[in-house]
Amino acid sequence: MLKRIYHYFLDKYLAQCRRPYLAQLDKIVGENTSVISSNCFAGRILQDLGRKYNTPTLGLYFWSSDYIEFLKHLRYYLFEAKLTFVEQSKYSLGNERRKKWKHWYPIGNLDGRVEIHFLHYHSESEAYEKWNRRAARVNFDNLVVVGMEQNLCTMNHILEFDELPFVNKVFFSTKECETSSNIHITEFDCCGEVGDPYKKGHVFYKYLVEMWRKNESNVGY
């Protein structure tokens, strides 16, 4: 009972922390914008803005290598690749995490190349149905693509992400690097990777809005 009360008030507090950024975030992520993310960040944004889930990349996470592969051939993996399920992750850390998670969740695989951990799903049928339904809604004319320094991410992944041909893309990291997409989040410098974007959404929102304002101010210069 006390734990539920604690989480209730914590959620209320974190929602208040995110609220000051929502008006600006609404300008970045419009009604027809699809957010592609490597983890639950897309879900955080769409929930806070009351948007329709027009992306399948929510309630789940990718490993960094798989996410880069997914983005390199995004149309194929969203519209053509077959989603199947596996008993075990190809990553030992993935299997360790799954054992410690609060419930069993399915691990998906797109054409045997891209592994997806459906963290907030409870069955393969649920994951399959929601992935395909939401993938069909992705708007390639209005994309925001988000990467994060998590899940065995290396500097090469950050650099590969920056070379991807998406107009609106950002990569949140704990590193200073001279790429156009990288956003260095100093709050996580001591962690070696960025924190939970769902619980710490306000931190990511702050930097995303700051980058957007900076880019807006540079228009025409």
N, C-alpha and C. Protein backbone atom coordinates (compact mmCIF):
# COMPACT_ATOMS: atom_id res chain seq x y z
N MET A 1 0.83 -1.21 0.00
CA MET A 1 0.00 0.00 0.00
C MET A 1 0.87 1.27 0.00
N LEU A 2 1.86 1.30 0.89
CA LEU A 2 2.75 2.46 0.97
C LEU A 2 3.54 2.64 -0.32
N LYS A 3 3.91 1.51 -0.94
CA LYS A 3 4.66 1.58 -2.20
C LYS A 3 3.81 2.19 -3.30
N ARG A 4 2.53 1.82 -3.36
CA ARG A 4 1.63 2.37 -4.37
C ARG A 4 1.43 3.88 -4.16
N ILE A 5 1.31 4.28 -2.90
CA ILE A 5 1.15 5.71 -2.59
C ILE A 5 2.40 6.48 -3.00
N TYR A 6 3.56 5.90 -2.70
CA TYR A 6 4.82 6.54 -3.06
C TYR A 6 4.91 6.75 -4.58
N HIS A 7 4.61 5.70 -5.33
CA HIS A 7 4.70 5.80 -6.79
C HIS A 7 3.65 6.75 -7.36
N TYR A 8 2.50 6.83 -6.72
CA TYR A 8 1.46 7.75 -7.18
C TYR A 8 1.95 9.19 -7.09
N PHE A 9 2.50 9.55 -5.93
CA PHE A 9 2.97 10.92 -5.75
C PHE A 9 4.24 11.20 -6.55
N LEU A 10 5.07 10.18 -6.73
CA LEU A 10 6.26 10.36 -7.56
C LEU A 10 5.86 10.64 -9.01
N ASP A 11 4.90 9.90 -9.52
CA ASP A 11 4.42 10.12 -10.88
C ASP A 11 3.82 11.52 -11.04
N LYS A 12 3.09 11.96 -10.03
CA LYS A 12 2.51 13.32 -10.07
C LYS A 12 3.61 14.37 -10.10
N TYR A 13 4.63 14.16 -9.29
CA TYR A 13 5.75 15.11 -9.23
C TYR A 13 6.49 15.16 -10.57
N LEU A 14 6.78 13.99 -11.14
CA LEU A 14 7.51 13.95 -12.41
C LEU A 14 6.69 14.55 -13.54
N ALA A 15 5.38 14.36 -13.50
CA ALA A 15 4.51 14.97 -14.51
C ALA A 15 4.59 16.49 -14.43
N GLN A 16 4.66 17.03 -13.21
CA GLN A 16 4.80 18.47 -13.04
C GLN A 16 6.14 18.97 -13.56
N CYS A 17 7.18 18.15 -13.42
CA CYS A 17 8.51 18.51 -13.94
C CYS A 17 8.50 18.59 -15.46
N ARG A 18 7.72 17.74 -16.10
CA ARG A 18 7.67 17.72 -17.57
C ARG A 18 6.77 18.81 -18.14
N ARG A 19 5.79 19.23 -17.38
CA ARG A 19 4.76 20.14 -17.89
C ARG A 19 5.31 21.43 -18.51
N PRO A 20 6.32 22.09 -17.93
CA PRO A 20 6.80 23.36 -18.51
C PRO A 20 7.33 23.24 -19.94
N TYR A 21 7.67 22.03 -20.37
CA TYR A 21 8.27 21.84 -21.70
C TYR A 21 7.25 21.41 -22.75
N LEU A 22 6.03 21.13 -22.35
CA LEU A 22 5.09 20.52 -23.28
C LEU A 22 4.65 21.45 -24.40
N ALA A 23 4.52 22.75 -24.12
CA ALA A 23 4.10 23.69 -25.17
C ALA A 23 5.12 23.73 -26.30
N GLN A 24 6.40 23.74 -25.95
CA GLN A 24 7.45 23.75 -26.97
C GLN A 24 7.57 22.38 -27.64
N LEU A 25 7.40 21.33 -26.84
CA LEU A 25 7.46 19.98 -27.40
C LEU A 25 6.35 19.76 -28.41
N ASP A 26 5.21 20.39 -28.17
CA ASP A 26 4.08 20.28 -29.07
C ASP A 26 4.41 20.85 -30.46
N LYS A 27 5.32 21.83 -30.50
CA LYS A 27 5.74 22.41 -31.78
C LYS A 27 6.73 21.50 -32.51
N ILE A 28 7.47 20.71 -31.76
CA ILE A 28 8.45 19.79 -32.36
C ILE A 28 7.75 18.53 -32.86
N VAL A 29 6.83 18.04 -32.06
CA VAL A 29 6.10 16.80 -32.39
C VAL A 29 4.64 17.15 -32.65
N GLY A 30 4.30 17.35 -33.92
CA GLY A 30 2.94 17.72 -34.28
C GLY A 30 2.00 16.53 -34.32
N GLU A 31 0.76 16.79 -34.68
CA GLU A 31 -0.26 15.74 -34.72
C GLU A 31 0.12 14.61 -35.66
N ASN A 32 0.80 14.93 -36.75
CA ASN A 32 1.13 13.92 -37.76
C ASN A 32 2.58 13.45 -37.71
N THR A 33 3.28 13.81 -36.62
CA THR A 33 4.68 13.41 -36.49
C THR A 33 4.79 12.00 -35.91
N SER A 34 5.64 11.19 -36.52
CA SER A 34 5.95 9.87 -35.97
C SER A 34 7.31 9.93 -35.30
N VAL A 35 7.37 9.51 -34.06
CA VAL A 35 8.63 9.49 -33.31
C VAL A 35 9.17 8.07 -33.31
N ILE A 36 10.36 7.89 -33.85
CA ILE A 36 11.03 6.60 -33.84
C ILE A 36 12.11 6.66 -32.76
N SER A 37 12.04 5.79 -31.78
CA SER A 37 13.01 5.82 -30.68
C SER A 37 13.53 4.42 -30.40
N SER A 38 14.67 4.37 -29.72
CA SER A 38 15.30 3.09 -29.40
C SER A 38 14.77 2.49 -28.11
N ASN A 39 13.87 3.22 -27.47
CA ASN A 39 13.32 2.77 -26.18
C ASN A 39 11.96 3.41 -25.95
N CYS A 40 11.58 3.58 -24.68
CA CYS A 40 10.24 4.06 -24.34
C CYS A 40 10.04 5.57 -24.51
N PHE A 41 11.05 6.28 -25.03
CA PHE A 41 10.94 7.74 -25.11
C PHE A 41 9.81 8.18 -26.03
N ALA A 42 9.58 7.47 -27.11
CA ALA A 42 8.46 7.81 -28.00
C ALA A 42 7.14 7.74 -27.24
N GLY A 43 6.99 6.70 -26.42
CA GLY A 43 5.78 6.57 -25.62
C GLY A 43 5.62 7.68 -24.62
N ARG A 44 6.72 8.10 -24.01
CA ARG A 44 6.68 9.20 -23.05
C ARG A 44 6.15 10.47 -23.72
N ILE A 45 6.69 10.80 -24.88
CA ILE A 45 6.29 12.00 -25.61
C ILE A 45 4.82 11.93 -26.02
N LEU A 46 4.42 10.83 -26.65
CA LEU A 46 3.07 10.72 -27.18
C LEU A 46 2.03 10.72 -26.06
N GLN A 47 2.35 10.11 -24.95
CA GLN A 47 1.43 10.14 -23.81
C GLN A 47 1.29 11.54 -23.25
N ASP A 48 2.41 12.23 -23.07
CA ASP A 48 2.37 13.58 -22.50
C ASP A 48 1.62 14.56 -23.39
N LEU A 49 1.71 14.37 -24.72
CA LEU A 49 1.04 15.27 -25.65
C LEU A 49 -0.35 14.79 -26.05
N GLY A 50 -0.73 13.61 -25.57
CA GLY A 50 -2.04 13.07 -25.92
C GLY A 50 -2.15 12.70 -27.38
N ARG A 51 -1.04 12.24 -27.96
CA ARG A 51 -1.00 11.90 -29.37
C ARG A 51 -1.40 10.43 -29.60
N LYS A 52 -1.88 10.16 -30.81
CA LYS A 52 -2.14 8.80 -31.24
C LYS A 52 -0.82 8.06 -31.42
N TYR A 53 -0.79 6.78 -31.11
CA TYR A 53 0.42 5.99 -31.26
C TYR A 53 0.65 5.65 -32.73
N ASN A 54 1.31 6.57 -33.43
CA ASN A 54 1.60 6.34 -34.85
C ASN A 54 3.05 5.92 -35.05
N THR A 55 3.53 5.12 -34.12
CA THR A 55 4.85 4.50 -34.17
C THR A 55 4.80 3.22 -33.35
N PRO A 56 5.52 2.19 -33.76
CA PRO A 56 5.53 0.97 -32.96
C PRO A 56 6.62 0.96 -31.88
N THR A 57 7.49 1.99 -31.87
CA THR A 57 8.66 1.96 -30.98
C THR A 57 8.34 2.58 -29.62
N LEU A 58 7.45 1.92 -28.89
CA LEU A 58 7.13 2.35 -27.53
C LEU A 58 6.83 1.11 -26.69
N GLY A 59 7.16 1.21 -25.40
CA GLY A 59 6.99 0.07 -24.52
C GLY A 59 7.99 -1.04 -24.79
N LEU A 60 9.14 -0.69 -25.38
CA LEU A 60 10.14 -1.69 -25.79
C LEU A 60 11.52 -1.04 -25.86
N TYR A 61 12.53 -1.86 -26.15
CA TYR A 61 13.85 -1.29 -26.42
C TYR A 61 14.62 -2.17 -27.40
N PHE A 62 15.57 -1.51 -28.10
CA PHE A 62 16.49 -2.17 -29.02
C PHE A 62 17.89 -2.12 -28.42
N TRP A 63 18.72 -3.07 -28.79
CA TRP A 63 20.15 -2.94 -28.54
C TRP A 63 20.73 -2.01 -29.60
N SER A 64 21.79 -1.32 -29.26
CA SER A 64 22.29 -0.25 -30.13
C SER A 64 22.61 -0.73 -31.54
N SER A 65 23.31 -1.85 -31.66
CA SER A 65 23.66 -2.35 -33.00
C SER A 65 22.41 -2.68 -33.80
N ASP A 66 21.42 -3.27 -33.14
CA ASP A 66 20.18 -3.64 -33.83
C ASP A 66 19.39 -2.39 -34.22
N TYR A 67 19.43 -1.38 -33.38
CA TYR A 67 18.69 -0.15 -33.67
C TYR A 67 19.27 0.56 -34.89
N ILE A 68 20.59 0.60 -34.99
CA ILE A 68 21.23 1.21 -36.16
C ILE A 68 20.85 0.45 -37.42
N GLU A 69 20.86 -0.87 -37.35
CA GLU A 69 20.45 -1.69 -38.49
C GLU A 69 18.99 -1.41 -38.84
N PHE A 70 18.14 -1.32 -37.84
CA PHE A 70 16.72 -1.02 -38.03
C PHE A 70 16.54 0.31 -38.75
N LEU A 71 17.27 1.33 -38.33
CA LEU A 71 17.14 2.65 -38.94
C LEU A 71 17.71 2.70 -40.35
N LYS A 72 18.74 1.96 -40.62
CA LYS A 72 19.34 1.96 -41.96
C LYS A 72 18.37 1.45 -43.02
N HIS A 73 17.47 0.58 -42.61
CA HIS A 73 16.50 0.00 -43.54
C HIS A 73 15.10 0.12 -42.94
N LEU A 74 14.75 1.33 -42.52
CA LEU A 74 13.55 1.55 -41.73
C LEU A 74 12.28 1.12 -42.45
N ARG A 75 12.11 1.50 -43.69
CA ARG A 75 10.89 1.13 -44.43
C ARG A 75 10.75 -0.39 -44.51
N TYR A 76 11.84 -1.05 -44.79
CA TYR A 76 11.79 -2.51 -44.91
C TYR A 76 11.37 -3.16 -43.60
N TYR A 77 12.01 -2.75 -42.50
CA TYR A 77 11.72 -3.39 -41.21
C TYR A 77 10.32 -3.06 -40.70
N LEU A 78 9.79 -1.91 -41.08
CA LEU A 78 8.45 -1.54 -40.63
C LEU A 78 7.36 -2.20 -41.47
N PHE A 79 7.59 -2.30 -42.77
CA PHE A 79 6.51 -2.70 -43.67
C PHE A 79 6.65 -4.08 -44.31
N GLU A 80 7.87 -4.62 -44.34
CA GLU A 80 8.08 -5.89 -45.05
C GLU A 80 8.63 -7.01 -44.18
N ALA A 81 9.49 -6.70 -43.25
CA ALA A 81 10.14 -7.73 -42.44
C ALA A 81 9.12 -8.50 -41.60
N LYS A 82 9.37 -9.77 -41.40
CA LYS A 82 8.49 -10.61 -40.62
C LYS A 82 8.92 -10.60 -39.15
N LEU A 83 7.96 -10.34 -38.28
CA LEU A 83 8.23 -10.34 -36.85
C LEU A 83 7.96 -11.73 -36.28
N THR A 84 9.00 -12.34 -35.73
CA THR A 84 8.87 -13.63 -35.05
C THR A 84 9.38 -13.46 -33.61
N PHE A 85 9.33 -14.53 -32.85
CA PHE A 85 9.73 -14.44 -31.44
C PHE A 85 10.71 -15.55 -31.09
N VAL A 86 11.59 -15.24 -30.15
CA VAL A 86 12.63 -16.17 -29.73
C VAL A 86 12.54 -16.41 -28.23
N GLU A 87 13.08 -17.55 -27.80
CA GLU A 87 13.04 -17.90 -26.38
C GLU A 87 14.07 -17.11 -25.57
N GLN A 88 15.22 -16.85 -26.19
CA GLN A 88 16.32 -16.19 -25.49
C GLN A 88 16.88 -15.05 -26.32
N SER A 89 17.45 -14.06 -25.64
CA SER A 89 18.13 -12.96 -26.32
C SER A 89 19.49 -13.44 -26.81
N LYS A 90 19.97 -12.84 -27.89
CA LYS A 90 21.32 -13.13 -28.36
C LYS A 90 22.37 -12.39 -27.52
N TYR A 91 21.90 -11.53 -26.62
CA TYR A 91 22.77 -10.78 -25.72
C TYR A 91 22.64 -11.35 -24.30
N SER A 92 23.74 -11.73 -23.69
CA SER A 92 23.68 -12.29 -22.33
C SER A 92 23.08 -11.28 -21.35
N LEU A 93 23.41 -10.00 -21.53
CA LEU A 93 22.85 -8.97 -20.66
C LEU A 93 21.33 -8.90 -20.81
N GLY A 94 20.85 -9.15 -22.02
CA GLY A 94 19.41 -9.15 -22.25
C GLY A 94 18.71 -10.23 -21.46
N ASN A 95 19.30 -11.42 -21.42
CA ASN A 95 18.72 -12.52 -20.67
C ASN A 95 18.76 -12.25 -19.17
N GLU A 96 19.84 -11.61 -18.70
CA GLU A 96 19.95 -11.26 -17.29
C GLU A 96 18.87 -10.25 -16.91
N ARG A 97 18.68 -9.25 -17.75
CA ARG A 97 17.67 -8.23 -17.47
C ARG A 97 16.27 -8.83 -17.45
N ARG A 98 16.01 -9.71 -18.39
CA ARG A 98 14.68 -10.29 -18.49
C ARG A 98 14.33 -11.09 -17.24
N LYS A 99 15.30 -11.81 -16.69
CA LYS A 99 15.07 -12.60 -15.48
C LYS A 99 14.71 -11.71 -14.28
N LYS A 100 15.27 -10.50 -14.28
CA LYS A 100 15.06 -9.59 -13.15
C LYS A 100 13.82 -8.71 -13.33
N TRP A 101 13.24 -8.69 -14.53
CA TRP A 101 12.11 -7.81 -14.81
C TRP A 101 10.89 -8.27 -14.03
N LYS A 102 9.95 -7.36 -13.81
CA LYS A 102 8.79 -7.64 -12.96
C LYS A 102 7.82 -8.65 -13.55
N HIS A 103 7.89 -8.88 -14.85
CA HIS A 103 7.08 -9.91 -15.47
C HIS A 103 7.79 -10.46 -16.71
N TRP A 104 7.40 -11.65 -17.13
CA TRP A 104 7.93 -12.21 -18.38
C TRP A 104 7.45 -11.34 -19.54
N TYR A 105 8.32 -11.09 -20.51
CA TYR A 105 7.92 -10.34 -21.69
C TYR A 105 8.51 -11.00 -22.93
N PRO A 106 7.87 -10.82 -24.08
CA PRO A 106 8.35 -11.46 -25.31
C PRO A 106 9.56 -10.73 -25.92
N ILE A 107 10.40 -11.50 -26.57
CA ILE A 107 11.54 -10.95 -27.32
C ILE A 107 11.27 -11.22 -28.79
N GLY A 108 11.16 -10.15 -29.55
CA GLY A 108 10.87 -10.27 -30.97
C GLY A 108 12.12 -10.21 -31.83
N ASN A 109 11.94 -10.60 -33.07
CA ASN A 109 13.06 -10.60 -34.01
C ASN A 109 12.53 -10.29 -35.41
N LEU A 110 13.10 -9.26 -36.03
CA LEU A 110 12.71 -8.89 -37.38
C LEU A 110 13.67 -9.53 -38.38
N ASP A 111 13.17 -10.51 -39.11
CA ASP A 111 13.96 -11.23 -40.13
C ASP A 111 15.28 -11.78 -39.59
N GLY A 112 15.31 -12.11 -38.31
CA GLY A 112 16.51 -12.70 -37.72
C GLY A 112 17.66 -11.76 -37.54
N ARG A 113 17.43 -10.44 -37.73
CA ARG A 113 18.54 -9.49 -37.66
C ARG A 113 18.36 -8.41 -36.60
N VAL A 114 17.14 -8.04 -36.31
CA VAL A 114 16.89 -6.96 -35.36
C VAL A 114 16.09 -7.50 -34.18
N GLU A 115 16.72 -7.49 -33.02
CA GLU A 115 16.08 -8.00 -31.80
C GLU A 115 15.34 -6.87 -31.08
N ILE A 116 14.14 -7.18 -30.61
CA ILE A 116 13.32 -6.18 -29.90
C ILE A 116 12.86 -6.77 -28.57
N HIS A 117 13.12 -6.07 -27.49
CA HIS A 117 12.64 -6.49 -26.17
C HIS A 117 11.34 -5.74 -25.86
N PHE A 118 10.23 -6.46 -25.92
CA PHE A 118 8.91 -5.87 -25.69
C PHE A 118 8.63 -5.79 -24.19
N LEU A 119 9.32 -4.87 -23.56
CA LEU A 119 9.41 -4.76 -22.11
C LEU A 119 8.05 -4.64 -21.42
N HIS A 120 7.14 -3.90 -22.01
CA HIS A 120 5.86 -3.62 -21.36
C HIS A 120 4.70 -4.39 -21.98
N TYR A 121 5.02 -5.50 -22.62
CA TYR A 121 4.00 -6.37 -23.20
C TYR A 121 3.99 -7.70 -22.45
N HIS A 122 2.84 -8.36 -22.50
CA HIS A 122 2.69 -9.57 -21.70
C HIS A 122 2.52 -10.84 -22.53
N SER A 123 2.44 -10.70 -23.84
CA SER A 123 2.29 -11.89 -24.69
C SER A 123 2.84 -11.60 -26.08
N GLU A 124 3.17 -12.66 -26.79
CA GLU A 124 3.65 -12.51 -28.16
C GLU A 124 2.55 -11.98 -29.07
N SER A 125 1.33 -12.43 -28.84
CA SER A 125 0.23 -11.99 -29.70
C SER A 125 -0.03 -10.50 -29.53
N GLU A 126 0.07 -10.00 -28.30
CA GLU A 126 -0.11 -8.56 -28.06
C GLU A 126 0.99 -7.76 -28.76
N ALA A 127 2.24 -8.20 -28.60
CA ALA A 127 3.36 -7.50 -29.22
C ALA A 127 3.24 -7.52 -30.74
N TYR A 128 2.88 -8.66 -31.31
CA TYR A 128 2.76 -8.80 -32.76
C TYR A 128 1.67 -7.89 -33.31
N GLU A 129 0.51 -7.90 -32.68
CA GLU A 129 -0.63 -7.12 -33.17
C GLU A 129 -0.34 -5.62 -33.08
N LYS A 130 0.19 -5.17 -31.96
CA LYS A 130 0.42 -3.73 -31.78
C LYS A 130 1.58 -3.24 -32.64
N TRP A 131 2.62 -4.06 -32.78
CA TRP A 131 3.75 -3.65 -33.63
C TRP A 131 3.28 -3.41 -35.05
N ASN A 132 2.56 -4.37 -35.63
CA ASN A 132 2.14 -4.26 -37.03
C ASN A 132 1.10 -3.16 -37.24
N ARG A 133 0.20 -3.01 -36.31
CA ARG A 133 -0.84 -1.97 -36.44
C ARG A 133 -0.21 -0.58 -36.38
N ARG A 134 0.70 -0.38 -35.46
CA ARG A 134 1.31 0.94 -35.30
C ARG A 134 2.36 1.22 -36.36
N ALA A 135 3.06 0.19 -36.82
CA ALA A 135 4.04 0.37 -37.89
C ALA A 135 3.38 0.90 -39.15
N ALA A 136 2.16 0.45 -39.42
CA ALA A 136 1.44 0.88 -40.62
C ALA A 136 1.08 2.36 -40.58
N ARG A 137 1.12 2.98 -39.40
CA ARG A 137 0.75 4.39 -39.24
C ARG A 137 1.93 5.35 -39.41
N VAL A 138 3.14 4.83 -39.48
CA VAL A 138 4.32 5.70 -39.50
C VAL A 138 4.29 6.63 -40.70
N ASN A 139 4.49 7.91 -40.42
CA ASN A 139 4.47 8.95 -41.45
C ASN A 139 5.91 9.31 -41.83
N PHE A 140 6.37 8.82 -42.98
CA PHE A 140 7.74 9.07 -43.40
C PHE A 140 7.97 10.50 -43.85
N ASP A 141 6.91 11.24 -44.03
CA ASP A 141 7.05 12.65 -44.41
C ASP A 141 7.22 13.55 -43.19
N ASN A 142 7.09 12.98 -42.01
CA ASN A 142 7.20 13.78 -40.79
C ASN A 142 7.72 12.90 -39.66
N LEU A 143 9.03 12.70 -39.66
CA LEU A 143 9.67 11.82 -38.69
C LEU A 143 10.57 12.60 -37.73
N VAL A 144 10.58 12.18 -36.47
CA VAL A 144 11.61 12.57 -35.52
C VAL A 144 12.25 11.28 -35.05
N VAL A 145 13.55 11.14 -35.29
CA VAL A 145 14.26 9.91 -34.97
C VAL A 145 15.19 10.17 -33.78
N VAL A 146 15.08 9.32 -32.76
CA VAL A 146 15.81 9.54 -31.51
C VAL A 146 16.68 8.33 -31.17
N GLY A 147 17.95 8.61 -30.87
CA GLY A 147 18.86 7.57 -30.40
C GLY A 147 19.35 7.91 -29.00
N MET A 148 19.84 6.90 -28.28
CA MET A 148 20.32 7.13 -26.92
C MET A 148 21.52 6.26 -26.60
N GLU A 149 22.39 6.80 -25.79
CA GLU A 149 23.55 6.05 -25.32
C GLU A 149 23.11 5.08 -24.22
N GLN A 150 22.63 3.96 -24.65
CA GLN A 150 22.18 2.88 -23.77
C GLN A 150 22.40 1.56 -24.50
N ASN A 151 22.22 0.47 -23.78
CA ASN A 151 22.14 -0.86 -24.38
C ASN A 151 23.34 -1.19 -25.27
N LEU A 152 24.53 -1.16 -24.62
CA LEU A 152 25.81 -1.50 -25.27
C LEU A 152 26.17 -0.54 -26.39
N CYS A 153 25.83 0.71 -26.19
CA CYS A 153 26.15 1.75 -27.17
C CYS A 153 27.64 2.09 -27.13
N THR A 154 28.22 2.28 -28.30
CA THR A 154 29.61 2.70 -28.42
C THR A 154 29.67 4.03 -29.19
N MET A 155 30.85 4.61 -29.23
CA MET A 155 31.03 5.84 -29.99
C MET A 155 30.74 5.61 -31.47
N ASN A 156 31.07 4.44 -31.97
CA ASN A 156 30.79 4.14 -33.38
C ASN A 156 29.29 4.18 -33.67
N HIS A 157 28.48 3.74 -32.72
CA HIS A 157 27.03 3.82 -32.91
C HIS A 157 26.56 5.26 -32.99
N ILE A 158 27.14 6.12 -32.16
CA ILE A 158 26.78 7.54 -32.17
C ILE A 158 27.14 8.16 -33.52
N LEU A 159 28.31 7.80 -34.03
CA LEU A 159 28.76 8.33 -35.31
C LEU A 159 27.93 7.78 -36.47
N GLU A 160 27.59 6.49 -36.40
CA GLU A 160 26.75 5.88 -37.43
C GLU A 160 25.37 6.53 -37.45
N PHE A 161 24.84 6.77 -36.27
CA PHE A 161 23.53 7.42 -36.18
C PHE A 161 23.56 8.78 -36.86
N ASP A 162 24.62 9.53 -36.62
CA ASP A 162 24.72 10.88 -37.18
C ASP A 162 24.77 10.87 -38.70
N GLU A 163 25.21 9.79 -39.29
CA GLU A 163 25.32 9.70 -40.75
C GLU A 163 24.02 9.27 -41.41
N LEU A 164 23.03 8.87 -40.62
CA LEU A 164 21.77 8.41 -41.19
C LEU A 164 21.03 9.57 -41.87
N PRO A 165 20.35 9.31 -42.98
CA PRO A 165 19.75 10.38 -43.79
C PRO A 165 18.38 10.86 -43.32
N PHE A 166 18.26 11.12 -42.01
CA PHE A 166 17.01 11.67 -41.48
C PHE A 166 17.20 13.15 -41.20
N VAL A 167 16.24 13.95 -41.59
CA VAL A 167 16.35 15.40 -41.39
C VAL A 167 16.27 15.76 -39.92
N ASN A 168 15.31 15.19 -39.23
CA ASN A 168 15.10 15.50 -37.81
C ASN A 168 15.53 14.32 -36.95
N LYS A 169 16.75 14.38 -36.46
CA LYS A 169 17.26 13.30 -35.63
C LYS A 169 18.09 13.88 -34.48
N VAL A 170 18.01 13.21 -33.33
CA VAL A 170 18.80 13.61 -32.16
C VAL A 170 19.32 12.36 -31.47
N PHE A 171 20.50 12.50 -30.89
CA PHE A 171 21.08 11.40 -30.13
C PHE A 171 21.48 11.93 -28.77
N PHE A 172 20.89 11.36 -27.71
CA PHE A 172 21.20 11.78 -26.35
C PHE A 172 22.35 10.94 -25.80
N SER A 173 23.40 11.61 -25.33
CA SER A 173 24.55 10.88 -24.83
C SER A 173 25.20 11.60 -23.66
N THR A 174 26.19 10.94 -23.08
CA THR A 174 26.99 11.54 -22.01
C THR A 174 28.33 12.01 -22.55
N LYS A 175 28.42 12.13 -23.86
CA LYS A 175 29.70 12.44 -24.49
C LYS A 175 29.65 13.75 -25.27
N GLU A 176 30.78 14.43 -25.27
CA GLU A 176 30.98 15.59 -26.13
C GLU A 176 31.54 15.08 -27.46
N CYS A 177 30.81 15.24 -28.52
CA CYS A 177 31.36 14.85 -29.82
C CYS A 177 30.81 15.80 -30.88
N GLU A 178 31.62 16.05 -31.88
CA GLU A 178 31.28 17.03 -32.90
C GLU A 178 30.42 16.41 -33.99
N THR A 179 29.20 16.12 -33.65
CA THR A 179 28.22 15.66 -34.63
C THR A 179 27.01 16.58 -34.53
N SER A 180 26.28 16.71 -35.61
CA SER A 180 25.15 17.62 -35.63
C SER A 180 23.97 17.12 -34.80
N SER A 181 23.89 15.80 -34.59
CA SER A 181 22.72 15.24 -33.91
C SER A 181 22.93 15.00 -32.43
N ASN A 182 24.17 14.98 -31.97
CA ASN A 182 24.44 14.64 -30.57
C ASN A 182 24.01 15.72 -29.60
N ILE A 183 23.34 15.30 -28.53
CA ILE A 183 23.00 16.19 -27.42
C ILE A 183 23.66 15.63 -26.16
N HIS A 184 24.60 16.37 -25.62
CA HIS A 184 25.33 15.93 -24.44
C HIS A 184 24.52 16.29 -23.19
N ILE A 185 24.06 15.27 -22.45
CA ILE A 185 23.28 15.50 -21.23
C ILE A 185 24.22 15.36 -20.04
N THR A 186 24.60 16.47 -19.47
CA THR A 186 25.60 16.47 -18.39
C THR A 186 25.10 15.81 -17.11
N GLU A 187 23.78 15.79 -16.92
CA GLU A 187 23.23 15.19 -15.70
C GLU A 187 23.58 13.71 -15.54
N PHE A 188 23.92 13.05 -16.65
CA PHE A 188 24.21 11.62 -16.61
C PHE A 188 25.68 11.31 -16.81
N ASP A 189 26.54 12.32 -16.75
CA ASP A 189 27.96 12.12 -17.04
C ASP A 189 28.60 11.05 -16.16
N CYS A 190 28.19 10.98 -14.91
CA CYS A 190 28.81 10.03 -13.99
C CYS A 190 28.28 8.61 -14.18
N CYS A 191 27.29 8.44 -15.03
CA CYS A 191 26.64 7.13 -15.18
C CYS A 191 27.21 6.30 -16.33
N GLY A 192 27.87 6.95 -17.28
CA GLY A 192 28.40 6.21 -18.42
C GLY A 192 27.40 6.00 -19.53
N GLU A 193 26.14 6.30 -19.27
CA GLU A 193 25.08 6.25 -20.27
C GLU A 193 23.93 7.11 -19.76
N VAL A 194 23.00 7.44 -20.63
CA VAL A 194 21.89 8.28 -20.20
C VAL A 194 20.89 7.45 -19.39
N GLY A 195 20.09 8.13 -18.58
CA GLY A 195 19.15 7.46 -17.69
C GLY A 195 17.84 7.08 -18.36
N ASP A 196 16.91 6.65 -17.54
CA ASP A 196 15.60 6.19 -17.99
C ASP A 196 14.82 7.36 -18.59
N PRO A 197 14.55 7.35 -19.90
CA PRO A 197 13.86 8.47 -20.54
C PRO A 197 12.39 8.56 -20.19
N TYR A 198 11.86 7.50 -19.63
CA TYR A 198 10.44 7.52 -19.23
C TYR A 198 10.29 8.22 -17.88
N LYS A 199 11.11 7.82 -16.92
CA LYS A 199 11.04 8.44 -15.60
C LYS A 199 11.72 9.80 -15.58
N LYS A 200 12.76 9.97 -16.36
CA LYS A 200 13.52 11.23 -16.39
C LYS A 200 13.18 12.05 -17.63
N GLY A 201 11.97 11.93 -18.11
CA GLY A 201 11.58 12.61 -19.33
C GLY A 201 11.84 14.10 -19.32
N HIS A 202 11.67 14.74 -18.15
CA HIS A 202 11.85 16.19 -18.08
C HIS A 202 13.28 16.60 -18.41
N VAL A 203 14.26 15.76 -18.07
CA VAL A 203 15.66 16.07 -18.37
C VAL A 203 15.87 16.06 -19.89
N PHE A 204 15.36 15.04 -20.55
CA PHE A 204 15.49 14.94 -22.01
C PHE A 204 14.70 16.05 -22.70
N TYR A 205 13.52 16.36 -22.19
CA TYR A 205 12.72 17.43 -22.77
C TYR A 205 13.47 18.76 -22.73
N LYS A 206 14.12 19.03 -21.61
CA LYS A 206 14.86 20.29 -21.47
C LYS A 206 15.89 20.45 -22.57
N TYR A 207 16.67 19.42 -22.81
CA TYR A 207 17.73 19.51 -23.81
C TYR A 207 17.16 19.52 -25.23
N LEU A 208 16.10 18.75 -25.45
CA LEU A 208 15.48 18.72 -26.77
C LEU A 208 14.91 20.09 -27.14
N VAL A 209 14.23 20.72 -26.19
CA VAL A 209 13.66 22.05 -26.42
C VAL A 209 14.76 23.09 -26.62
N GLU A 210 15.83 23.00 -25.84
CA GLU A 210 16.95 23.93 -26.00
C GLU A 210 17.57 23.82 -27.39
N MET A 211 17.73 22.58 -27.88
CA MET A 211 18.29 22.38 -29.21
C MET A 211 17.35 22.94 -30.28
N TRP A 212 16.07 22.71 -30.11
CA TRP A 212 15.08 23.21 -31.07
C TRP A 212 15.09 24.74 -31.11
N ARG A 213 15.15 25.37 -29.96
CA ARG A 213 15.18 26.85 -29.91
C ARG A 213 16.45 27.38 -30.57
N LYS A 214 17.55 26.71 -30.33
CA LYS A 214 18.82 27.13 -30.94
C LYS A 214 18.76 27.03 -32.45
N ASN A 215 18.22 25.94 -32.95
CA ASN A 215 18.09 25.76 -34.40
C ASN A 215 17.15 26.79 -35.01
N GLU A 216 16.06 27.10 -34.29
CA GLU A 216 15.12 28.10 -34.76
C GLU A 216 15.78 29.47 -34.86
N SER A 217 16.60 29.79 -33.88
CA SER A 217 17.24 31.10 -33.87
C SER A 217 18.29 31.25 -34.97
N ASN A 218 18.79 30.09 -35.46
CA ASN A 218 19.82 30.12 -36.52
C ASN A 218 19.25 30.11 -37.92
N VAL A 219 17.94 30.01 -38.04
CA VAL A 219 17.33 29.98 -39.37
C VAL A 219 17.59 31.31 -40.07
N GLY A 220 18.11 31.23 -41.27
CA GLY A 220 18.37 32.44 -42.05
C GLY A 220 19.76 33.00 -41.88
N TYR A 221 20.56 32.33 -41.01
CA TYR A 221 21.91 32.85 -40.79
C TYR A 221 22.96 31.95 -41.44
